Amino acid sequence: MNAFAVFGRGAIALLAEIGAMSIFALRGAFAWVTGPFYTRAFLSAALRIGFNSLPVVGLTAIFTGAALALNIYDGSLRFNAETFLPQILSVSIVRELGPGFAALMVAGRSSSGMAAELGAMRVSDQIDAMSTLAVDPYKYLVAPRILATTLMMPFIVLAADIIGIFGGWLVAVFALEFEGATYIRNIDQFLTAEDVGTGLVKAAVFGFLISVMGCYYGYKSRGGAQGVGAATRSAVVASAVAILASNYVMTSLFVDF
């Protein structure tokens, strides 16, 4: 029975953690509704998460698009279907790879940053001091980050989609001898607004999950510098798992069988 007891304790602890995280997410996401809304904190978070993430996301997207073009071309040659390269590449990037890779890069960069910032404030008692001064930490620290990440991720993913398709275009035109205008025309005729919208909806959900994980583990961290480091690692790992799991759930809802 000891094995069942260990499994039961683990399951209960996991459910308790999910419940606490859900309550934290709801409280943090809607804390600004009753005011006050800290505009400066929101704009600062949007700048750090959105604009400052574009270089690393852009580099990831352009190399992903270039590598994907080579792989699609190599595979489609076996079926004499290499002319479908633009269509397959654009749909793959817009629906899956653009949102997924962009979210993972932002998670590694921003979720860890949120956990480190809030963790450092927690272990140095700054959050407790803020509460003593009648400033709600959820309104000032958590809500602006969650709102900024959720709103900025679709713009980041849209930029990643464009850059990724451009990377595929570069390889197709200069390495695989495609005609540039025809390549773009095929994408324009094949890609639909639904494809783009699916990726942007995923991006918003990913942004929400990234910010919740980063803020939650940073806000709950304990134990000095070691606790902050553990919170940072936990935030990145939890964000990556949440992104991949939610991606499957949303894909199963969006795809028509």
C-alpha atoms as a PDB file:
ATOM      1  CA  MET A   1       0.000   0.000   0.000  1.00  0.00           C
ATOM      2  CA  ASN A   2       2.972   2.334   0.371  1.00  0.00           C
ATOM      3  CA  ALA A   3       3.249   2.697  -3.402  1.00  0.00           C
ATOM      4  CA  PHE A   4      -0.415   3.727  -3.639  1.00  0.00           C
ATOM      5  CA  ALA A   5       0.075   6.164  -0.769  1.00  0.00           C
ATOM      6  CA  VAL A   6       3.051   7.794  -2.511  1.00  0.00           C
ATOM      7  CA  PHE A   7       1.096   8.024  -5.765  1.00  0.00           C
ATOM      8  CA  GLY A   8      -1.907   9.475  -3.959  1.00  0.00           C
ATOM      9  CA  ARG A   9       0.153  12.105  -2.174  1.00  0.00           C
ATOM     10  CA  GLY A  10       1.764  13.085  -5.463  1.00  0.00           C
ATOM     11  CA  ALA A  11      -1.590  13.332  -7.219  1.00  0.00           C
ATOM     12  CA  ILE A  12      -3.083  15.435  -4.427  1.00  0.00           C
ATOM     13  CA  ALA A  13      -0.054  17.724  -4.408  1.00  0.00           C
ATOM     14  CA  LEU A  14      -0.283  18.139  -8.188  1.00  0.00           C
ATOM     15  CA  LEU A  15      -3.983  18.982  -8.054  1.00  0.00           C
ATOM     16  CA  ALA A  16      -3.383  21.428  -5.205  1.00  0.00           C
ATOM     17  CA  GLU A  17      -0.642  23.142  -7.234  1.00  0.00           C
ATOM     18  CA  ILE A  18      -2.889  23.380 -10.301  1.00  0.00           C
ATOM     19  CA  GLY A  19      -5.682  24.819  -8.164  1.00  0.00           C
ATOM     20  CA  ALA A  20      -3.408  27.407  -6.552  1.00  0.00           C
ATOM     21  CA  MET A  21      -2.020  28.358  -9.960  1.00  0.00           C
ATOM     22  CA  SER A  22      -5.513  28.730 -11.417  1.00  0.00           C
ATOM     23  CA  ILE A  23      -6.627  30.988  -8.571  1.00  0.00           C
ATOM     24  CA  PHE A  24      -3.451  33.046  -8.965  1.00  0.00           C
ATOM     25  CA  ALA A  25      -4.020  33.353 -12.718  1.00  0.00           C
ATOM     26  CA  LEU A  26      -7.620  34.514 -12.356  1.00  0.00           C
ATOM     27  CA  ARG A  27      -6.789  36.964  -9.590  1.00  0.00           C
ATOM     28  CA  GLY A  28      -3.800  38.355 -11.479  1.00  0.00           C
ATOM     29  CA  ALA A  29      -5.550  38.578 -14.836  1.00  0.00           C
ATOM     30  CA  PHE A  30      -8.564  40.522 -13.531  1.00  0.00           C
ATOM     31  CA  ALA A  31      -7.004  42.509 -10.695  1.00  0.00           C
ATOM     32  CA  TRP A  32      -6.888  45.658 -12.849  1.00  0.00           C
ATOM     33  CA  VAL A  33     -10.678  45.617 -13.477  1.00  0.00           C
ATOM     34  CA  THR A  34     -11.518  47.307 -10.183  1.00  0.00           C
ATOM     35  CA  GLY A  35      -8.628  49.760 -10.578  1.00  0.00           C
ATOM     36  CA  PRO A  36      -6.305  51.386 -10.339  1.00  0.00           C
ATOM     37  CA  PHE A  37      -4.656  50.479 -13.644  1.00  0.00           C
ATOM     38  CA  TYR A  38      -0.904  51.133 -13.606  1.00  0.00           C
ATOM     39  CA  THR A  39      -0.338  52.324 -17.169  1.00  0.00           C
ATOM     40  CA  ARG A  40       3.396  52.884 -16.777  1.00  0.00           C
ATOM     41  CA  ALA A  41       3.967  49.360 -15.450  1.00  0.00           C
ATOM     42  CA  PHE A  42       1.915  47.940 -18.322  1.00  0.00           C
ATOM     43  CA  LEU A  43       3.805  49.897 -20.999  1.00  0.00           C
ATOM     44  CA  SER A  44       7.152  48.973 -19.464  1.00  0.00           C
ATOM     45  CA  ALA A  45       6.226  45.284 -19.473  1.00  0.00           C
ATOM     46  CA  ALA A  46       4.914  45.513 -23.041  1.00  0.00           C
ATOM     47  CA  LEU A  47       8.182  47.095 -24.198  1.00  0.00           C
ATOM     48  CA  ARG A  48      10.367  44.487 -22.491  1.00  0.00           C
ATOM     49  CA  ILE A  49       8.278  41.521 -23.544  1.00  0.00           C
ATOM     50  CA  GLY A  50       7.233  42.663 -27.001  1.00  0.00           C
ATOM     51  CA  PHE A  51       9.782  44.910 -28.665  1.00  0.00           C
ATOM     52  CA  ASN A  52      12.856  43.542 -26.907  1.00  0.00           C
ATOM     53  CA  SER A  53      11.934  39.953 -27.819  1.00  0.00           C
ATOM     54  CA  LEU A  54      11.765  40.643 -31.556  1.00  0.00           C
ATOM     55  CA  PRO A  55      15.498  40.134 -32.342  1.00  0.00           C
ATOM     56  CA  VAL A  56      15.736  36.635 -30.874  1.00  0.00           C
ATOM     57  CA  VAL A  57      12.311  35.652 -32.234  1.00  0.00           C
ATOM     58  CA  GLY A  58      13.232  37.003 -35.677  1.00  0.00           C
ATOM     59  CA  LEU A  59      16.490  35.068 -35.817  1.00  0.00           C
ATOM     60  CA  THR A  60      14.708  31.901 -34.730  1.00  0.00           C
ATOM     61  CA  ALA A  61      11.966  32.405 -37.333  1.00  0.00           C
ATOM     62  CA  ILE A  62      14.210  33.085 -40.316  1.00  0.00           C
ATOM     63  CA  PHE A  63      16.409  30.038 -39.710  1.00  0.00           C
ATOM     64  CA  THR A  64      13.352  27.896 -38.999  1.00  0.00           C
ATOM     65  CA  GLY A  65      11.768  28.959 -42.288  1.00  0.00           C
ATOM     66  CA  ALA A  66      14.994  28.336 -44.193  1.00  0.00           C
ATOM     67  CA  ALA A  67      15.531  24.878 -42.711  1.00  0.00           C
ATOM     68  CA  LEU A  68      11.869  23.970 -43.177  1.00  0.00           C
ATOM     69  CA  ALA A  69      12.028  24.915 -46.867  1.00  0.00           C
ATOM     70  CA  LEU A  70      14.941  22.554 -47.426  1.00  0.00           C
ATOM     71  CA  ASN A  71      13.234  19.694 -45.583  1.00  0.00           C
ATOM     72  CA  ILE A  72       9.907  20.144 -47.357  1.00  0.00           C
ATOM     73  CA  TYR A  73      11.619  20.309 -50.745  1.00  0.00           C
ATOM     74  CA  ASP A  74      13.665  17.178 -50.037  1.00  0.00           C
ATOM     75  CA  GLY A  75      10.592  15.243 -48.888  1.00  0.00           C
ATOM     76  CA  SER A  76       8.278  16.432 -51.658  1.00  0.00           C
ATOM     77  CA  LEU A  77      10.794  15.419 -54.332  1.00  0.00           C
ATOM     78  CA  ARG A  78      10.000  11.782 -53.523  1.00  0.00           C
ATOM     79  CA  PHE A  79       6.417  12.373 -54.686  1.00  0.00           C
ATOM     80  CA  ASN A  80       7.185  14.865 -57.475  1.00  0.00           C
ATOM     81  CA  ALA A  81       5.302  17.499 -55.456  1.00  0.00           C
ATOM     82  CA  GLU A  82       8.054  20.079 -54.938  1.00  0.00           C
ATOM     83  CA  THR A  83       5.870  22.812 -56.461  1.00  0.00           C
ATOM     84  CA  PHE A  84       3.740  22.720 -53.299  1.00  0.00           C
ATOM     85  CA  LEU A  85       6.648  23.978 -51.179  1.00  0.00           C
ATOM     86  CA  PRO A  86       5.250  27.544 -50.702  1.00  0.00           C
ATOM     87  CA  GLN A  87       1.830  26.305 -49.606  1.00  0.00           C
ATOM     88  CA  ILE A  88       3.092  23.685 -47.152  1.00  0.00           C
ATOM     89  CA  LEU A  89       5.711  25.986 -45.675  1.00  0.00           C
ATOM     90  CA  SER A  90       3.373  28.936 -45.161  1.00  0.00           C
ATOM     91  CA  VAL A  91       0.649  26.862 -43.467  1.00  0.00           C
ATOM     92  CA  SER A  92       3.182  25.069 -41.264  1.00  0.00           C
ATOM     93  CA  ILE A  93       4.709  28.320 -40.074  1.00  0.00           C
ATOM     94  CA  VAL A  94       1.485  30.272 -39.603  1.00  0.00           C
ATOM     95  CA  ARG A  95      -0.473  27.548 -37.810  1.00  0.00           C
ATOM     96  CA  GLU A  96       2.209  25.744 -35.797  1.00  0.00           C
ATOM     97  CA  LEU A  97       5.878  26.642 -36.003  1.00  0.00           C
ATOM     98  CA  GLY A  98       5.510  30.411 -35.809  1.00  0.00           C
ATOM     99  CA  PRO A  99       3.401  30.474 -32.624  1.00  0.00           C
ATOM    100  CA  GLY A 100       5.223  27.503 -31.065  1.00  0.00           C
ATOM    101  CA  PHE A 101       8.812  28.591 -31.575  1.00  0.00           C
ATOM    102  CA  ALA A 102       8.064  32.241 -30.783  1.00  0.00           C
ATOM    103  CA  ALA A 103       6.316  31.258 -27.558  1.00  0.00           C
ATOM    104  CA  LEU A 104       9.173  28.987 -26.483  1.00  0.00           C
ATOM    105  CA  MET A 105      11.717  31.749 -27.109  1.00  0.00           C
ATOM    106  CA  VAL A 106       9.642  34.310 -25.218  1.00  0.00           C
ATOM    107  CA  ALA A 107       9.194  31.783 -22.406  1.00  0.00           C
ATOM    108  CA  GLY A 108      12.945  31.321 -22.118  1.00  0.00           C
ATOM    109  CA  ARG A 109      13.531  35.051 -22.179  1.00  0.00           C
ATOM    110  CA  SER A 110      10.547  36.679 -20.468  1.00  0.00           C
ATOM    111  CA  SER A 111       9.069  34.016 -18.195  1.00  0.00           C
ATOM    112  CA  SER A 112      12.435  33.526 -16.547  1.00  0.00           C
ATOM    113  CA  GLY A 113      12.816  37.296 -16.269  1.00  0.00           C
ATOM    114  CA  MET A 114       9.447  37.688 -14.548  1.00  0.00           C
ATOM    115  CA  ALA A 115      10.237  34.872 -12.126  1.00  0.00           C
ATOM    116  CA  ALA A 116      13.618  36.376 -11.314  1.00  0.00           C
ATOM    117  CA  GLU A 117      12.241  39.895 -10.800  1.00  0.00           C
ATOM    118  CA  LEU A 118       9.334  38.882  -8.609  1.00  0.00           C
ATOM    119  CA  GLY A 119      11.423  36.280  -6.809  1.00  0.00           C
ATOM    120  CA  ALA A 120      14.068  38.851  -5.927  1.00  0.00           C
ATOM    121  CA  MET A 121      11.363  41.197  -4.668  1.00  0.00           C
ATOM    122  CA  ARG A 122       9.806  38.402  -2.619  1.00  0.00           C
ATOM    123  CA  VAL A 123      12.978  37.252  -0.883  1.00  0.00           C
ATOM    124  CA  SER A 124      14.000  40.853  -0.158  1.00  0.00           C
ATOM    125  CA  ASP A 125      10.558  41.574   1.382  1.00  0.00           C
ATOM    126  CA  GLN A 126       9.715  44.256  -1.177  1.00  0.00           C
ATOM    127  CA  ILE A 127       6.360  42.627  -1.948  1.00  0.00           C
ATOM    128  CA  ASP A 128       5.476  42.545   1.742  1.00  0.00           C
ATOM    129  CA  ALA A 129       6.466  46.200   2.051  1.00  0.00           C
ATOM    130  CA  MET A 130       4.267  47.020  -0.937  1.00  0.00           C
ATOM    131  CA  SER A 131       1.294  45.378   0.764  1.00  0.00           C
ATOM    132  CA  THR A 132       2.058  47.320   3.948  1.00  0.00           C
ATOM    133  CA  LEU A 133       1.853  50.551   1.936  1.00  0.00           C
ATOM    134  CA  ALA A 134      -1.631  49.559   0.679  1.00  0.00           C
ATOM    135  CA  VAL A 135      -0.429  48.781  -2.861  1.00  0.00           C
ATOM    136  CA  ASP A 136      -1.914  45.530  -4.145  1.00  0.00           C
ATOM    137  CA  PRO A 137       0.983  43.469  -5.632  1.00  0.00           C
ATOM    138  CA  TYR A 138      -1.450  41.727  -7.969  1.00  0.00           C
ATOM    139  CA  LYS A 139      -2.519  45.062  -9.456  1.00  0.00           C
ATOM    140  CA  TYR A 140       0.978  46.549  -9.696  1.00  0.00           C
ATOM    141  CA  LEU A 141       3.212  43.531 -10.418  1.00  0.00           C
ATOM    142  CA  VAL A 142       1.153  40.649 -11.784  1.00  0.00           C
ATOM    143  CA  ALA A 143      -1.722  42.133 -13.785  1.00  0.00           C
ATOM    144  CA  PRO A 144       0.405  44.431 -16.022  1.00  0.00           C
ATOM    145  CA  ARG A 145       2.727  41.555 -16.923  1.00  0.00           C
ATOM    146  CA  ILE A 146      -0.087  39.129 -17.717  1.00  0.00           C
ATOM    147  CA  LEU A 147      -2.005  41.682 -19.759  1.00  0.00           C
ATOM    148  CA  ALA A 148       1.096  42.897 -21.613  1.00  0.00           C
ATOM    149  CA  THR A 149       2.278  39.396 -22.527  1.00  0.00           C
ATOM    150  CA  THR A 150      -1.172  38.258 -23.644  1.00  0.00           C
ATOM    151  CA  LEU A 151      -1.629  41.307 -25.882  1.00  0.00           C
ATOM    152  CA  MET A 152       1.912  41.436 -27.290  1.00  0.00           C
ATOM    153  CA  MET A 153       2.326  37.767 -28.205  1.00  0.00           C
ATOM    154  CA  PRO A 154       0.033  37.939 -31.291  1.00  0.00           C
ATOM    155  CA  PHE A 155       2.137  40.814 -32.672  1.00  0.00           C
ATOM    156  CA  ILE A 156       5.347  38.893 -31.961  1.00  0.00           C
ATOM    157  CA  VAL A 157       3.960  35.793 -33.670  1.00  0.00           C
ATOM    158  CA  LEU A 158       2.744  37.813 -36.656  1.00  0.00           C
ATOM    159  CA  ALA A 159       6.268  39.183 -37.080  1.00  0.00           C
ATOM    160  CA  ALA A 160       7.675  35.667 -36.685  1.00  0.00           C
ATOM    161  CA  ASP A 161       5.307  34.368 -39.388  1.00  0.00           C
ATOM    162  CA  ILE A 162       6.403  37.023 -41.867  1.00  0.00           C
ATOM    163  CA  ILE A 163      10.095  36.542 -41.129  1.00  0.00           C
ATOM    164  CA  GLY A 164       9.813  32.753 -41.249  1.00  0.00           C
ATOM    165  CA  ILE A 165       8.060  32.805 -44.636  1.00  0.00           C
ATOM    166  CA  PHE A 166      10.704  35.248 -45.854  1.00  0.00           C
ATOM    167  CA  GLY A 167      13.432  32.832 -44.736  1.00  0.00           C
ATOM    168  CA  GLY A 168      11.772  30.084 -46.749  1.00  0.00           C
ATOM    169  CA  TRP A 169      11.499  32.435 -49.726  1.00  0.00           C
ATOM    170  CA  LEU A 170      15.211  33.192 -49.598  1.00  0.00           C
ATOM    171  CA  VAL A 171      16.120  29.510 -49.700  1.00  0.00           C
ATOM    172  CA  ALA A 172      13.516  28.701 -52.356  1.00  0.00           C
ATOM    173  CA  VAL A 173      14.611  31.511 -54.680  1.00  0.00           C
ATOM    174  CA  PHE A 174      18.380  31.528 -54.241  1.00  0.00           C
ATOM    175  CA  ALA A 175      19.043  27.839 -53.493  1.00  0.00           C
ATOM    176  CA  LEU A 176      16.168  25.874 -55.031  1.00  0.00           C
ATOM    177  CA  GLU A 177      15.634  28.051 -58.135  1.00  0.00           C
ATOM    178  CA  PHE A 178      11.997  28.983 -57.523  1.00  0.00           C
ATOM    179  CA  GLU A 179      10.583  32.093 -59.176  1.00  0.00           C
ATOM    180  CA  GLY A 180      10.093  34.701 -56.456  1.00  0.00           C
ATOM    181  CA  ALA A 181       6.841  36.276 -57.654  1.00  0.00           C
ATOM    182  CA  THR A 182       5.221  32.899 -58.278  1.00  0.00           C
ATOM    183  CA  TYR A 183       6.268  31.750 -54.813  1.00  0.00           C
ATOM    184  CA  ILE A 184       4.530  34.719 -53.178  1.00  0.00           C
ATOM    185  CA  ARG A 185       1.469  34.346 -55.418  1.00  0.00           C
ATOM    186  CA  ASN A 186       1.035  30.708 -54.414  1.00  0.00           C
ATOM    187  CA  ILE A 187       1.136  31.654 -50.746  1.00  0.00           C
ATOM    188  CA  ASP A 188      -1.372  34.469 -51.273  1.00  0.00           C
ATOM    189  CA  GLN A 189      -3.804  32.158 -53.079  1.00  0.00           C
ATOM    190  CA  PHE A 190      -3.484  29.281 -50.615  1.00  0.00           C
ATOM    191  CA  LEU A 191      -3.175  30.895 -47.170  1.00  0.00           C
ATOM    192  CA  THR A 192      -6.480  31.882 -45.554  1.00  0.00           C
ATOM    193  CA  ALA A 193      -7.483  34.284 -42.806  1.00  0.00           C
ATOM    194  CA  GLU A 194      -8.510  31.278 -40.737  1.00  0.00           C
ATOM    195  CA  ASP A 195      -4.949  29.949 -40.848  1.00  0.00           C
ATOM    196  CA  VAL A 196      -3.552  33.261 -39.632  1.00  0.00           C
ATOM    197  CA  GLY A 197      -6.266  33.675 -37.014  1.00  0.00           C
ATOM    198  CA  THR A 198      -5.617  30.211 -35.619  1.00  0.00           C
ATOM    199  CA  GLY A 199      -1.974  31.064 -35.032  1.00  0.00           C
ATOM    200  CA  LEU A 200      -2.799  34.400 -33.410  1.00  0.00           C
ATOM    201  CA  VAL A 201      -5.329  32.832 -31.032  1.00  0.00           C
ATOM    202  CA  LYS A 202      -2.684  30.319 -30.029  1.00  0.00           C
ATOM    203  CA  ALA A 203      -0.234  33.176 -29.514  1.00  0.00           C
ATOM    204  CA  ALA A 204      -2.554  34.980 -27.084  1.00  0.00           C
ATOM    205  CA  VAL A 205      -3.101  31.796 -25.066  1.00  0.00           C
ATOM    206  CA  PHE A 206       0.632  31.093 -25.029  1.00  0.00           C
ATOM    207  CA  GLY A 207       1.308  34.633 -23.831  1.00  0.00           C
ATOM    208  CA  PHE A 208      -1.164  34.226 -20.992  1.00  0.00           C
ATOM    209  CA  LEU A 209       0.422  30.936 -19.908  1.00  0.00           C
ATOM    210  CA  ILE A 210       3.971  32.304 -20.130  1.00  0.00           C
ATOM    211  CA  SER A 211       3.187  35.290 -17.926  1.00  0.00           C
ATOM    212  CA  VAL A 212       1.182  33.269 -15.407  1.00  0.00           C
ATOM    213  CA  MET A 213       3.990  30.730 -14.963  1.00  0.00           C
ATOM    214  CA  GLY A 214       6.653  33.396 -14.623  1.00  0.00           C
ATOM    215  CA  CYS A 215       4.685  35.506 -12.158  1.00  0.00           C
ATOM    216  CA  TYR A 216       3.408  32.544 -10.144  1.00  0.00           C
ATOM    217  CA  TYR A 217       6.753  30.918  -9.475  1.00  0.00           C
ATOM    218  CA  GLY A 218       8.433  34.254  -8.836  1.00  0.00           C
ATOM    219  CA  TYR A 219       5.685  35.447  -6.498  1.00  0.00           C
ATOM    220  CA  LYS A 220       5.717  32.193  -4.516  1.00  0.00           C
ATOM    221  CA  SER A 221       9.505  31.789  -4.330  1.00  0.00           C
ATOM    222  CA  ARG A 222      11.214  31.366  -0.971  1.00  0.00           C
ATOM    223  CA  GLY A 223      14.694  30.675   0.324  1.00  0.00           C
ATOM    224  CA  GLY A 224      16.925  33.509  -0.845  1.00  0.00           C
ATOM    225  CA  ALA A 225      19.014  33.393  -4.013  1.00  0.00           C
ATOM    226  CA  GLN A 226      18.684  29.615  -4.293  1.00  0.00           C
ATOM    227  CA  GLY A 227      14.899  29.906  -4.191  1.00  0.00           C
ATOM    228  CA  VAL A 228      14.956  32.553  -6.919  1.00  0.00           C
ATOM    229  CA  GLY A 229      17.042  30.274  -9.114  1.00  0.00           C
ATOM    230  CA  ALA A 230      14.672  27.373  -8.534  1.00  0.00           C
ATOM    231  CA  ALA A 231      11.687  29.603  -9.329  1.00  0.00           C
ATOM    232  CA  THR A 232      13.308  30.713 -12.585  1.00  0.00           C
ATOM    233  CA  ARG A 233      13.958  27.144 -13.701  1.00  0.00           C
ATOM    234  CA  SER A 234      10.470  26.040 -12.718  1.00  0.00           C
ATOM    235  CA  ALA A 235       8.888  28.931 -14.615  1.00  0.00           C
ATOM    236  CA  VAL A 236      10.698  28.103 -17.864  1.00  0.00           C
ATOM    237  CA  VAL A 237       9.983  24.367 -17.658  1.00  0.00           C
ATOM    238  CA  ALA A 238       6.335  24.882 -16.700  1.00  0.00           C
ATOM    239  CA  SER A 239       5.878  27.435 -19.493  1.00  0.00           C
ATOM    240  CA  ALA A 240       7.323  25.064 -22.110  1.00  0.00           C
ATOM    241  CA  VAL A 241       5.128  22.174 -20.959  1.00  0.00           C
ATOM    242  CA  ALA A 242       2.032  24.386 -20.832  1.00  0.00           C
ATOM    243  CA  ILE A 243       2.742  25.720 -24.338  1.00  0.00           C
ATOM    244  CA  LEU A 244       3.128  22.272 -25.873  1.00  0.00           C
ATOM    245  CA  ALA A 245       0.126  20.798 -24.054  1.00  0.00           C
ATOM    246  CA  SER A 246      -2.193  23.702 -24.846  1.00  0.00           C
ATOM    247  CA  ASN A 247      -0.981  23.688 -28.452  1.00  0.00           C
ATOM    248  CA  TYR A 248      -2.218  20.135 -28.877  1.00  0.00           C
ATOM    249  CA  VAL A 249      -5.574  20.936 -27.261  1.00  0.00           C
ATOM    250  CA  MET A 250      -6.131  23.994 -29.444  1.00  0.00           C
ATOM    251  CA  THR A 251      -4.993  22.205 -32.595  1.00  0.00           C
ATOM    252  CA  SER A 252      -7.471  19.402 -31.931  1.00  0.00           C
ATOM    253  CA  LEU A 253     -10.215  22.025 -31.592  1.00  0.00           C
ATOM    254  CA  PHE A 254      -9.273  24.016 -34.705  1.00  0.00           C
ATOM    255  CA  VAL A 255      -8.570  21.174 -37.110  1.00  0.00           C
ATOM    256  CA  ASP A 256     -11.560  19.875 -39.080  1.00  0.00           C
ATOM    257  CA  PHE A 257     -11.456  16.109 -39.380  1.00  0.00           C
END
